[in-house]
N, C-alpha and C. Protein backbone atom coordinates (compact mmCIF):
# COMPACT_ATOMS: atom_id res chain seq x y z
N MET A 1 32.17 336.61 -54.44
CA MET A 1 32.03 335.80 -54.52
C MET A 1 33.76 335.41 -54.66
N ALA A 2 34.34 336.20 -54.46
CA ALA A 2 36.00 335.70 -54.66
C ALA A 2 36.33 335.81 -53.31
N GLY A 3 37.26 334.50 -53.85
CA GLY A 3 38.05 333.70 -53.12
C GLY A 3 37.38 332.62 -52.34
N MET A 4 35.90 332.17 -53.05
CA MET A 4 34.89 331.33 -52.07
C MET A 4 35.28 330.06 -53.24
N HIS A 5 36.05 329.92 -54.33
CA HIS A 5 36.01 328.95 -55.33
C HIS A 5 37.34 327.69 -55.58
N SER A 6 37.76 326.73 -55.06
CA SER A 6 38.63 326.01 -54.74
C SER A 6 38.71 324.80 -56.18
N PRO A 7 39.47 324.67 -56.40
CA PRO A 7 40.51 323.32 -57.26
C PRO A 7 39.25 322.14 -57.34
N LEU A 8 39.54 321.80 -58.79
CA LEU A 8 38.42 320.50 -58.20
C LEU A 8 38.81 319.35 -58.29
N HIS A 9 38.02 318.84 -57.23
CA HIS A 9 38.43 317.34 -56.36
C HIS A 9 37.14 316.97 -55.43
N LEU A 10 36.64 316.34 -56.50
CA LEU A 10 35.45 315.96 -55.63
C LEU A 10 34.65 314.44 -55.49
N PRO A 11 34.62 313.84 -54.77
CA PRO A 11 34.13 312.49 -55.42
C PRO A 11 32.90 312.17 -55.79
N VAL A 12 32.49 311.84 -56.76
CA VAL A 12 31.05 311.67 -57.19
C VAL A 12 30.01 310.18 -56.78
N GLY A 13 28.89 310.24 -57.24
CA GLY A 13 28.11 308.89 -57.39
C GLY A 13 27.78 308.60 -55.97
N ARG A 14 27.15 309.81 -55.47
CA ARG A 14 26.08 310.11 -53.70
C ARG A 14 24.44 310.20 -54.69
N SER A 15 24.00 309.51 -53.76
CA SER A 15 21.99 309.70 -54.73
C SER A 15 22.08 311.04 -54.21
N SER A 16 22.72 312.24 -54.23
CA SER A 16 22.32 313.60 -54.44
C SER A 16 23.11 314.07 -55.31
N ASP A 17 24.02 313.74 -56.32
CA ASP A 17 25.05 314.13 -57.00
C ASP A 17 24.19 314.28 -58.77
N PHE A 18 23.99 315.09 -59.08
CA PHE A 18 23.25 315.33 -60.48
C PHE A 18 24.66 316.49 -61.21
N ILE A 19 24.73 316.09 -62.88
CA ILE A 19 25.74 316.80 -63.56
C ILE A 19 24.31 317.42 -64.34
N ILE A 20 24.62 318.97 -64.50
CA ILE A 20 23.48 319.89 -64.88
C ILE A 20 24.32 320.26 -66.21
N HIS A 21 23.69 319.95 -67.13
CA HIS A 21 24.37 320.93 -68.85
C HIS A 21 23.19 321.87 -68.92
N VAL A 22 23.66 323.01 -69.74
CA VAL A 22 22.78 324.58 -69.76
C VAL A 22 23.42 324.46 -71.39
N TYR A 23 21.99 324.27 -72.38
CA TYR A 23 22.54 324.51 -73.38
C TYR A 23 22.03 325.83 -74.11
N SER A 24 21.24 326.64 -73.60
CA SER A 24 20.86 327.40 -73.72
C SER A 24 20.24 328.60 -72.82
N CYS A 25 20.20 329.95 -72.78
CA CYS A 25 19.83 330.96 -71.60
C CYS A 25 19.36 331.99 -72.53
N SER A 26 18.28 332.40 -72.64
CA SER A 26 17.52 333.37 -73.65
C SER A 26 16.67 333.95 -72.33
N GLN A 27 17.34 335.77 -72.08
CA GLN A 27 16.44 336.13 -71.26
C GLN A 27 16.38 335.46 -70.16
N TRP A 28 17.26 334.86 -69.45
CA TRP A 28 17.28 333.76 -68.28
C TRP A 28 16.77 332.79 -67.78
N VAL A 29 16.13 332.38 -69.16
CA VAL A 29 15.18 331.03 -69.06
C VAL A 29 16.52 330.20 -69.48
N LEU A 30 17.05 329.26 -68.63
CA LEU A 30 17.78 327.91 -68.69
C LEU A 30 17.24 326.81 -69.66
N LYS A 31 17.72 326.16 -70.67
CA LYS A 31 17.15 324.92 -70.90
C LYS A 31 18.50 324.47 -70.82
N GLY A 32 18.43 322.84 -70.45
CA GLY A 32 19.23 321.84 -70.48
C GLY A 32 19.02 320.46 -70.30
N SER A 33 19.98 320.11 -70.02
CA SER A 33 19.89 318.53 -69.24
C SER A 33 20.00 318.21 -68.01
N ALA A 34 19.55 316.89 -67.06
CA ALA A 34 20.56 316.61 -65.68
C ALA A 34 20.23 315.44 -65.99
N SER A 35 21.56 315.00 -64.94
CA SER A 35 21.79 313.40 -64.97
C SER A 35 21.72 312.82 -63.63
N HIS A 36 21.47 312.34 -63.12
CA HIS A 36 21.15 311.73 -61.98
C HIS A 36 22.23 310.97 -61.82
N VAL A 37 23.64 310.91 -61.18
CA VAL A 37 25.03 310.30 -61.36
C VAL A 37 24.58 308.12 -61.06
N GLN A 38 23.94 308.52 -59.81
CA GLN A 38 23.88 307.51 -59.04
C GLN A 38 22.72 306.44 -59.78
N SER A 39 21.87 306.90 -60.98
CA SER A 39 21.30 306.03 -61.59
C SER A 39 21.47 305.69 -62.95
N GLY A 40 22.56 307.13 -62.97
CA GLY A 40 22.25 307.18 -64.78
C GLY A 40 21.37 307.80 -65.66
N ARG A 41 20.39 308.11 -64.92
CA ARG A 41 19.15 308.20 -65.54
C ARG A 41 19.48 310.14 -66.02
N THR A 42 18.89 310.62 -67.28
CA THR A 42 19.39 312.00 -67.57
C THR A 42 17.04 312.37 -67.21
N MET A 43 17.29 313.72 -67.84
CA MET A 43 16.04 314.36 -68.20
C MET A 43 16.17 315.61 -69.14
N VAL A 44 16.17 316.19 -69.33
CA VAL A 44 15.09 317.65 -70.28
C VAL A 44 14.50 319.10 -69.42
N PHE A 45 15.14 319.54 -69.24
CA PHE A 45 14.21 321.05 -68.73
C PHE A 45 14.27 322.17 -69.85
N HIS A 46 13.30 322.87 -69.04
CA HIS A 46 12.55 324.03 -69.84
C HIS A 46 13.04 325.28 -69.19
N SER A 47 13.23 325.37 -67.97
CA SER A 47 13.27 326.30 -66.96
C SER A 47 14.01 325.73 -65.88
N MET A 48 14.53 326.82 -65.23
CA MET A 48 15.25 326.54 -63.79
C MET A 48 14.14 325.96 -63.01
N LEU A 49 12.77 326.22 -63.10
CA LEU A 49 12.02 325.99 -61.89
C LEU A 49 11.95 324.43 -62.15
N GLU A 50 11.97 324.16 -63.36
CA GLU A 50 11.46 322.92 -64.02
C GLU A 50 12.76 321.97 -63.28
N LEU A 51 13.72 322.44 -63.21
CA LEU A 51 15.20 321.87 -63.02
C LEU A 51 15.18 321.76 -61.71
N VAL A 52 15.20 322.64 -60.87
CA VAL A 52 14.37 322.62 -59.33
C VAL A 52 13.82 321.71 -58.88
N LEU A 53 12.64 321.85 -59.42
CA LEU A 53 11.25 320.71 -59.02
C LEU A 53 12.02 319.41 -59.43
N ALA A 54 12.18 318.98 -60.41
CA ALA A 54 12.82 317.58 -60.58
C ALA A 54 13.70 316.84 -59.91
N LEU A 55 14.75 318.11 -59.74
CA LEU A 55 15.83 317.61 -58.67
C LEU A 55 15.78 317.14 -56.97
N GLN A 56 14.23 318.49 -56.62
CA GLN A 56 13.49 317.76 -55.07
C GLN A 56 12.87 316.98 -55.21
N ALA A 57 12.15 316.39 -56.40
CA ALA A 57 11.42 315.20 -56.30
C ALA A 57 12.39 313.72 -56.60
N LYS A 58 13.33 313.84 -57.08
CA LYS A 58 14.20 313.04 -56.68
C LYS A 58 15.36 312.75 -56.09
N MET A 59 15.58 313.92 -55.10
CA MET A 59 15.64 313.78 -53.71
C MET A 59 14.60 313.54 -52.69
N ASN A 60 13.60 313.58 -53.01
CA ASN A 60 12.47 312.80 -52.21
C ASN A 60 12.19 311.62 -52.52
N GLU A 61 12.17 311.25 -53.32
CA GLU A 61 12.07 309.62 -54.24
C GLU A 61 13.40 308.95 -53.18
N ASN A 62 14.54 309.53 -53.29
CA ASN A 62 15.48 308.88 -52.95
C ASN A 62 15.95 308.65 -50.83
N SER A 63 15.02 309.34 -50.33
CA SER A 63 14.76 310.41 -49.00
C SER A 63 16.25 310.51 -48.58
N PHE A 64 16.81 311.04 -49.47
CA PHE A 64 18.69 312.14 -49.43
C PHE A 64 18.73 313.07 -50.19
N PRO A 65 19.17 313.91 -49.37
CA PRO A 65 19.19 313.72 -48.11
C PRO A 65 17.99 314.23 -47.33
N GLN A 66 18.05 314.06 -46.83
CA GLN A 66 16.92 313.60 -45.75
C GLN A 66 16.36 315.48 -45.41
N SER A 67 14.76 315.46 -45.93
CA SER A 67 14.67 317.27 -45.45
C SER A 67 14.54 317.13 -43.70
N SER A 68 15.09 318.32 -43.32
CA SER A 68 15.17 318.88 -41.88
C SER A 68 13.55 319.50 -41.61
N THR A 69 12.76 319.89 -42.81
CA THR A 69 11.50 320.20 -42.27
C THR A 69 10.35 319.89 -43.32
N ALA A 70 9.09 319.53 -42.52
CA ALA A 70 8.05 318.94 -43.16
C ALA A 70 7.52 320.42 -44.55
N HIS A 71 6.84 319.62 -45.29
CA HIS A 71 6.31 320.73 -46.68
C HIS A 71 5.47 321.46 -45.89
N ARG A 72 5.19 322.59 -46.40
CA ARG A 72 4.16 323.47 -46.14
C ARG A 72 3.31 323.98 -47.36
N GLY A 73 2.19 323.68 -47.43
CA GLY A 73 1.77 324.11 -48.28
C GLY A 73 0.43 325.25 -48.13
N TRP A 74 -0.29 325.64 -49.20
CA TRP A 74 -1.52 326.36 -49.15
C TRP A 74 -2.67 325.71 -48.38
N ARG A 75 -2.08 324.71 -48.77
CA ARG A 75 -3.47 323.52 -48.28
C ARG A 75 -3.72 322.41 -47.14
N GLY A 76 -2.44 322.63 -46.29
CA GLY A 76 -1.96 322.31 -45.38
C GLY A 76 -1.07 320.57 -45.65
N ALA A 77 -1.37 320.67 -47.04
CA ALA A 77 -0.93 319.04 -47.62
C ALA A 77 0.12 319.84 -48.36
N PRO A 78 0.98 319.04 -48.64
CA PRO A 78 2.37 318.98 -49.81
C PRO A 78 1.06 318.66 -51.42
N PRO A 79 1.47 319.73 -52.21
CA PRO A 79 0.76 319.40 -53.51
C PRO A 79 1.44 318.27 -54.19
N GLU A 80 0.73 317.93 -55.20
CA GLU A 80 0.88 316.30 -55.40
C GLU A 80 1.89 316.63 -56.62
N GLU A 81 3.11 316.43 -56.49
CA GLU A 81 3.68 315.93 -57.34
C GLU A 81 3.77 316.05 -59.08
N ASP A 82 4.45 316.96 -59.75
CA ASP A 82 4.43 316.32 -61.42
C ASP A 82 5.49 315.44 -61.32
N THR A 83 5.57 314.74 -62.30
CA THR A 83 5.95 313.63 -62.49
C THR A 83 7.49 313.78 -63.14
N TYR A 84 8.06 313.76 -62.82
CA TYR A 84 9.55 314.22 -63.59
C TYR A 84 10.14 313.02 -63.56
N THR A 85 10.72 312.88 -64.96
CA THR A 85 11.17 311.34 -65.01
C THR A 85 12.58 311.72 -65.69
N PHE A 86 13.48 310.58 -64.89
CA PHE A 86 14.62 311.01 -65.37
C PHE A 86 14.96 309.41 -66.12
N GLU A 87 14.81 309.62 -67.27
CA GLU A 87 15.15 308.14 -67.94
C GLU A 87 16.31 307.81 -68.33
N THR A 88 16.29 306.27 -68.44
CA THR A 88 18.06 305.99 -68.93
C THR A 88 18.20 306.44 -70.27
N GLN A 89 19.71 306.36 -70.81
CA GLN A 89 20.38 306.75 -71.18
C GLN A 89 19.90 306.51 -72.97
N SER A 90 19.69 305.87 -72.91
CA SER A 90 19.09 305.46 -74.15
C SER A 90 17.98 306.45 -74.79
N GLU A 91 16.84 306.56 -73.51
CA GLU A 91 15.64 307.31 -73.89
C GLU A 91 16.16 308.37 -73.82
N ALA A 92 17.18 309.21 -73.55
CA ALA A 92 17.59 310.66 -73.16
C ALA A 92 18.32 310.98 -74.05
N ASP A 93 19.04 309.76 -75.23
CA ASP A 93 19.87 310.51 -76.14
C ASP A 93 18.68 310.82 -77.42
N THR A 94 17.98 309.90 -77.35
CA THR A 94 16.15 310.75 -78.11
C THR A 94 15.74 311.75 -78.08
N GLN A 95 15.92 312.26 -76.46
CA GLN A 95 15.62 314.05 -75.81
C GLN A 95 16.73 314.56 -76.89
N GLN A 96 17.93 314.27 -76.34
CA GLN A 96 18.90 315.20 -76.72
C GLN A 96 19.25 315.32 -77.97
N ASP A 97 18.65 314.31 -79.37
CA ASP A 97 18.44 315.18 -80.20
C ASP A 97 18.02 315.85 -80.65
N ARG A 98 17.15 316.77 -79.67
CA ARG A 98 16.66 318.12 -79.95
C ARG A 98 17.44 319.42 -79.54
N MET A 99 18.07 318.91 -78.74
CA MET A 99 19.06 319.86 -78.07
C MET A 99 19.95 320.35 -78.59
N PRO A 100 20.66 321.32 -78.75
CA PRO A 100 22.08 321.93 -79.65
C PRO A 100 23.64 320.73 -79.09
N ASP A 101 23.83 321.25 -79.77
CA ASP A 101 24.99 320.74 -79.68
C ASP A 101 26.29 321.35 -78.97
N SER A 102 26.09 322.51 -78.89
CA SER A 102 27.04 323.10 -77.69
C SER A 102 26.51 323.48 -76.60
N ILE A 103 27.33 323.55 -75.92
CA ILE A 103 26.86 323.97 -74.57
C ILE A 103 27.31 324.86 -73.32
N LEU A 104 26.77 325.63 -72.82
CA LEU A 104 26.87 327.00 -72.54
C LEU A 104 28.00 326.74 -71.13
N ALA A 105 27.68 325.65 -70.50
CA ALA A 105 27.96 325.07 -69.12
C ALA A 105 27.77 324.02 -68.11
N SER A 106 29.01 323.21 -67.30
CA SER A 106 28.04 322.12 -67.00
C SER A 106 28.70 321.96 -65.15
N PHE A 107 27.34 321.51 -65.26
CA PHE A 107 28.27 321.75 -62.89
C PHE A 107 27.99 320.57 -62.95
N LEU A 108 28.38 319.80 -61.76
CA LEU A 108 28.30 318.53 -60.72
C LEU A 108 27.64 319.55 -60.02
N VAL A 109 26.60 319.03 -59.81
CA VAL A 109 26.08 319.77 -58.02
C VAL A 109 25.55 318.48 -56.60
N ARG A 110 26.07 318.35 -55.97
CA ARG A 110 25.86 317.43 -54.65
C ARG A 110 25.31 318.49 -53.36
N VAL A 111 23.95 317.82 -53.43
CA VAL A 111 23.49 318.70 -52.38
C VAL A 111 23.26 317.77 -51.20
N GLN A 112 24.22 318.16 -50.19
CA GLN A 112 24.57 317.32 -48.68
C GLN A 112 23.25 317.87 -47.83
N PHE A 113 23.11 318.94 -48.00
CA PHE A 113 21.76 318.85 -46.70
C PHE A 113 20.64 319.62 -47.18
N ARG A 114 19.78 319.30 -46.55
CA ARG A 114 18.39 319.73 -46.96
C ARG A 114 17.53 320.64 -45.85
N GLN A 115 18.44 321.56 -45.35
CA GLN A 115 18.11 322.47 -43.95
C GLN A 115 16.87 323.56 -44.42
N ASN A 116 16.38 324.36 -42.88
CA ASN A 116 15.56 325.43 -43.51
C ASN A 116 15.28 325.65 -44.24
N SER A 117 14.65 324.04 -45.03
CA SER A 117 13.72 324.19 -46.11
C SER A 117 14.65 324.97 -47.58
N SER A 118 15.41 324.30 -47.31
CA SER A 118 16.67 325.10 -48.76
C SER A 118 17.78 323.65 -48.47
N TRP A 119 18.47 324.16 -49.51
CA TRP A 119 19.72 323.12 -50.05
C TRP A 119 21.11 324.13 -49.41
N GLN A 120 21.74 322.66 -49.04
CA GLN A 120 23.14 323.59 -49.05
C GLN A 120 24.16 321.93 -49.54
N GLY A 121 24.99 322.66 -50.22
CA GLY A 121 25.82 321.41 -51.10
C GLY A 121 27.37 322.12 -51.90
N THR A 122 28.13 321.81 -52.30
CA THR A 122 28.92 322.14 -53.40
C THR A 122 28.66 321.58 -54.44
N MET A 123 28.93 322.75 -55.31
CA MET A 123 28.54 322.52 -56.98
C MET A 123 30.22 323.51 -57.58
N ILE A 124 30.59 321.73 -58.99
CA ILE A 124 31.37 322.18 -59.46
C ILE A 124 30.87 322.77 -61.10
N TRP A 125 32.00 323.81 -61.18
CA TRP A 125 31.59 323.95 -63.01
C TRP A 125 33.18 323.61 -63.32
N MET A 126 32.38 322.83 -64.03
CA MET A 126 33.07 321.59 -64.87
C MET A 126 34.30 321.93 -65.53
N GLU A 127 33.90 323.02 -66.70
CA GLU A 127 34.49 323.64 -67.63
C GLU A 127 35.85 324.90 -67.19
N ARG A 128 35.72 324.78 -66.02
CA ARG A 128 36.82 325.93 -65.04
C ARG A 128 37.51 324.64 -63.59
N LYS A 129 36.86 323.68 -63.64
CA LYS A 129 37.48 322.75 -62.76
C LYS A 129 37.55 323.81 -61.53
N GLU A 130 36.61 324.25 -60.79
CA GLU A 130 36.89 325.07 -59.85
C GLU A 130 35.57 324.55 -59.00
N SER A 131 35.57 324.15 -57.83
CA SER A 131 34.36 324.12 -56.85
C SER A 131 34.06 325.23 -55.97
N CYS A 132 32.69 325.29 -55.32
CA CYS A 132 32.15 326.42 -54.73
C CYS A 132 31.18 325.78 -54.10
N ALA A 133 31.16 326.11 -52.61
CA ALA A 133 29.95 325.52 -51.68
C ALA A 133 29.08 326.76 -51.33
N PHE A 134 27.41 326.22 -51.57
CA PHE A 134 26.35 326.99 -51.64
C PHE A 134 25.82 326.65 -50.33
N ARG A 135 25.21 327.49 -49.51
CA ARG A 135 25.05 327.22 -48.16
C ARG A 135 22.78 327.58 -48.38
N SER A 136 22.43 327.53 -49.95
CA SER A 136 20.79 328.00 -49.96
C SER A 136 21.21 327.77 -51.15
N LEU A 137 19.36 327.62 -51.88
CA LEU A 137 19.00 327.22 -53.40
C LEU A 137 19.14 328.40 -53.91
N LEU A 138 18.91 329.95 -53.22
CA LEU A 138 19.02 331.16 -53.97
C LEU A 138 20.55 330.92 -54.14
N GLU A 139 21.48 331.08 -53.31
CA GLU A 139 23.21 331.03 -53.46
C GLU A 139 23.61 330.29 -55.08
N LEU A 140 22.89 328.80 -54.86
CA LEU A 140 23.25 328.10 -56.19
C LEU A 140 22.18 328.54 -57.20
N LEU A 141 21.61 329.34 -57.27
CA LEU A 141 21.60 329.76 -58.29
C LEU A 141 21.91 331.28 -58.67
N ASN A 142 22.46 331.50 -57.94
CA ASN A 142 23.23 333.04 -58.09
C ASN A 142 24.95 332.31 -58.82
N LEU A 143 24.94 331.49 -58.40
CA LEU A 143 26.01 331.29 -58.32
C LEU A 143 25.92 330.16 -60.08
N VAL A 144 24.92 329.68 -60.58
CA VAL A 144 24.84 329.29 -61.90
C VAL A 144 25.19 330.27 -62.63
N ALA A 145 23.68 331.52 -62.64
CA ALA A 145 23.85 332.92 -62.97
C ALA A 145 24.75 333.87 -63.25
N GLU A 146 26.20 333.63 -62.72
CA GLU A 146 27.20 333.93 -62.65
C GLU A 146 28.33 332.85 -63.80
N ALA A 147 28.29 331.83 -63.67
CA ALA A 147 28.83 331.30 -64.65
C ALA A 147 28.65 331.29 -65.78
N ILE A 148 27.13 331.30 -66.35
CA ILE A 148 26.63 331.41 -67.52
C ILE A 148 26.95 333.19 -67.95
N SER A 149 26.89 333.73 -67.29
CA SER A 149 27.30 335.06 -67.87
C SER A 149 28.76 335.53 -68.17
N LEU A 150 29.35 334.24 -67.32
CA LEU A 150 31.08 334.70 -67.52
C LEU A 150 31.50 333.61 -68.31
N SER A 151 30.57 332.78 -68.97
CA SER A 151 30.57 331.62 -70.11
C SER A 151 31.15 331.79 -71.70
N PRO A 152 31.76 332.07 -72.20
CA PRO A 152 32.12 332.48 -73.67
C PRO A 152 30.51 332.09 -74.71
N ALA A 153 30.57 333.15 -75.71
CA ALA A 153 28.92 332.51 -76.37
C ALA A 153 29.57 330.71 -77.15
N PRO A 154 28.51 330.36 -77.36
CA PRO A 154 28.77 329.40 -77.67
C PRO A 154 29.44 328.97 -79.04
N GLU A 155 30.46 328.20 -79.37
CA GLU A 155 30.81 328.54 -80.97
C GLU A 155 30.70 326.80 -81.74
N LYS A 156 30.30 326.65 -82.82
CA LYS A 156 30.06 325.21 -83.17
C LYS A 156 31.87 324.90 -83.39
N GLU A 157 32.87 325.07 -82.69
CA GLU A 157 33.80 324.01 -82.78
C GLU A 157 34.00 323.85 -80.98
N THR A 158 33.38 324.69 -80.26
CA THR A 158 33.73 324.23 -79.14
C THR A 158 33.20 322.84 -78.39
N VAL A 159 34.26 322.24 -77.86
CA VAL A 159 34.03 320.96 -77.10
C VAL A 159 34.16 320.52 -75.78
N VAL A 160 33.05 320.11 -74.76
CA VAL A 160 34.19 320.28 -73.71
C VAL A 160 34.34 318.70 -73.38
N SER A 161 35.42 319.17 -72.77
CA SER A 161 35.99 317.79 -72.29
C SER A 161 35.16 316.22 -71.37
N ALA A 162 35.39 315.15 -72.37
CA ALA A 162 34.63 314.12 -71.86
C ALA A 162 34.80 314.00 -70.14
N ILE A 163 34.02 313.75 -69.03
CA ILE A 163 34.39 313.64 -68.13
C ILE A 163 33.86 312.40 -67.66
N SER A 164 34.56 311.52 -66.99
CA SER A 164 33.98 310.27 -66.22
C SER A 164 34.48 310.14 -64.91
N PHE A 165 34.00 308.76 -64.72
CA PHE A 165 34.40 308.88 -63.10
C PHE A 165 34.41 307.57 -62.25
N THR A 166 36.24 307.48 -62.16
CA THR A 166 36.73 306.34 -62.16
C THR A 166 36.95 306.47 -60.36
N ASN A 167 37.53 305.69 -59.37
CA ASN A 167 37.22 305.22 -58.50
C ASN A 167 36.59 306.14 -57.52
N GLY A 168 35.34 306.59 -58.02
CA GLY A 168 34.86 308.02 -57.31
C GLY A 168 35.50 309.43 -57.42
N ASP A 169 36.13 309.47 -58.28
CA ASP A 169 37.12 310.64 -58.28
C ASP A 169 36.55 311.43 -59.77
N ILE A 170 36.87 312.58 -59.93
CA ILE A 170 36.29 313.05 -61.23
C ILE A 170 37.52 312.97 -62.18
N VAL A 171 37.68 312.32 -63.45
CA VAL A 171 38.94 312.55 -64.16
C VAL A 171 38.22 313.12 -65.80
N SER A 172 39.08 314.28 -66.06
CA SER A 172 38.39 314.92 -67.29
C SER A 172 39.13 314.52 -68.80
């Protein structure tokens, strides 16, 4: 993936923008939180599959980006979706109290298209201030795995700079 990374510069605030914080990774089971940028709501996830299904449900709820293919299932109808709730910040703060203080990695994920039953978009690794395009969900997962493997072991003194959104740009 060398040469694919570019400096950080991506406006945010679309209904398909998510900020993902990974707090722990044990035997490639990631735990953390995901925030839907536009609504300001947050959810805690305990596996990558739970995260992916929650983001998919949120994009389906917003009908953006529009999926180019109909869902296929074993019974010919889409399965009933589990309820993945993105909560308001005060509700999420209560859940965050159960999460560790250190963050392994943070990402801004923008899904621009949902074509061929997969996702395409841009991901920003916030600690490194680098962005990279992904052409499929598998490629996105590989980028997350690479970032986690390159992240230093969390220390109590590790502080992630605050990120704010001003005029559609990321300011750290």
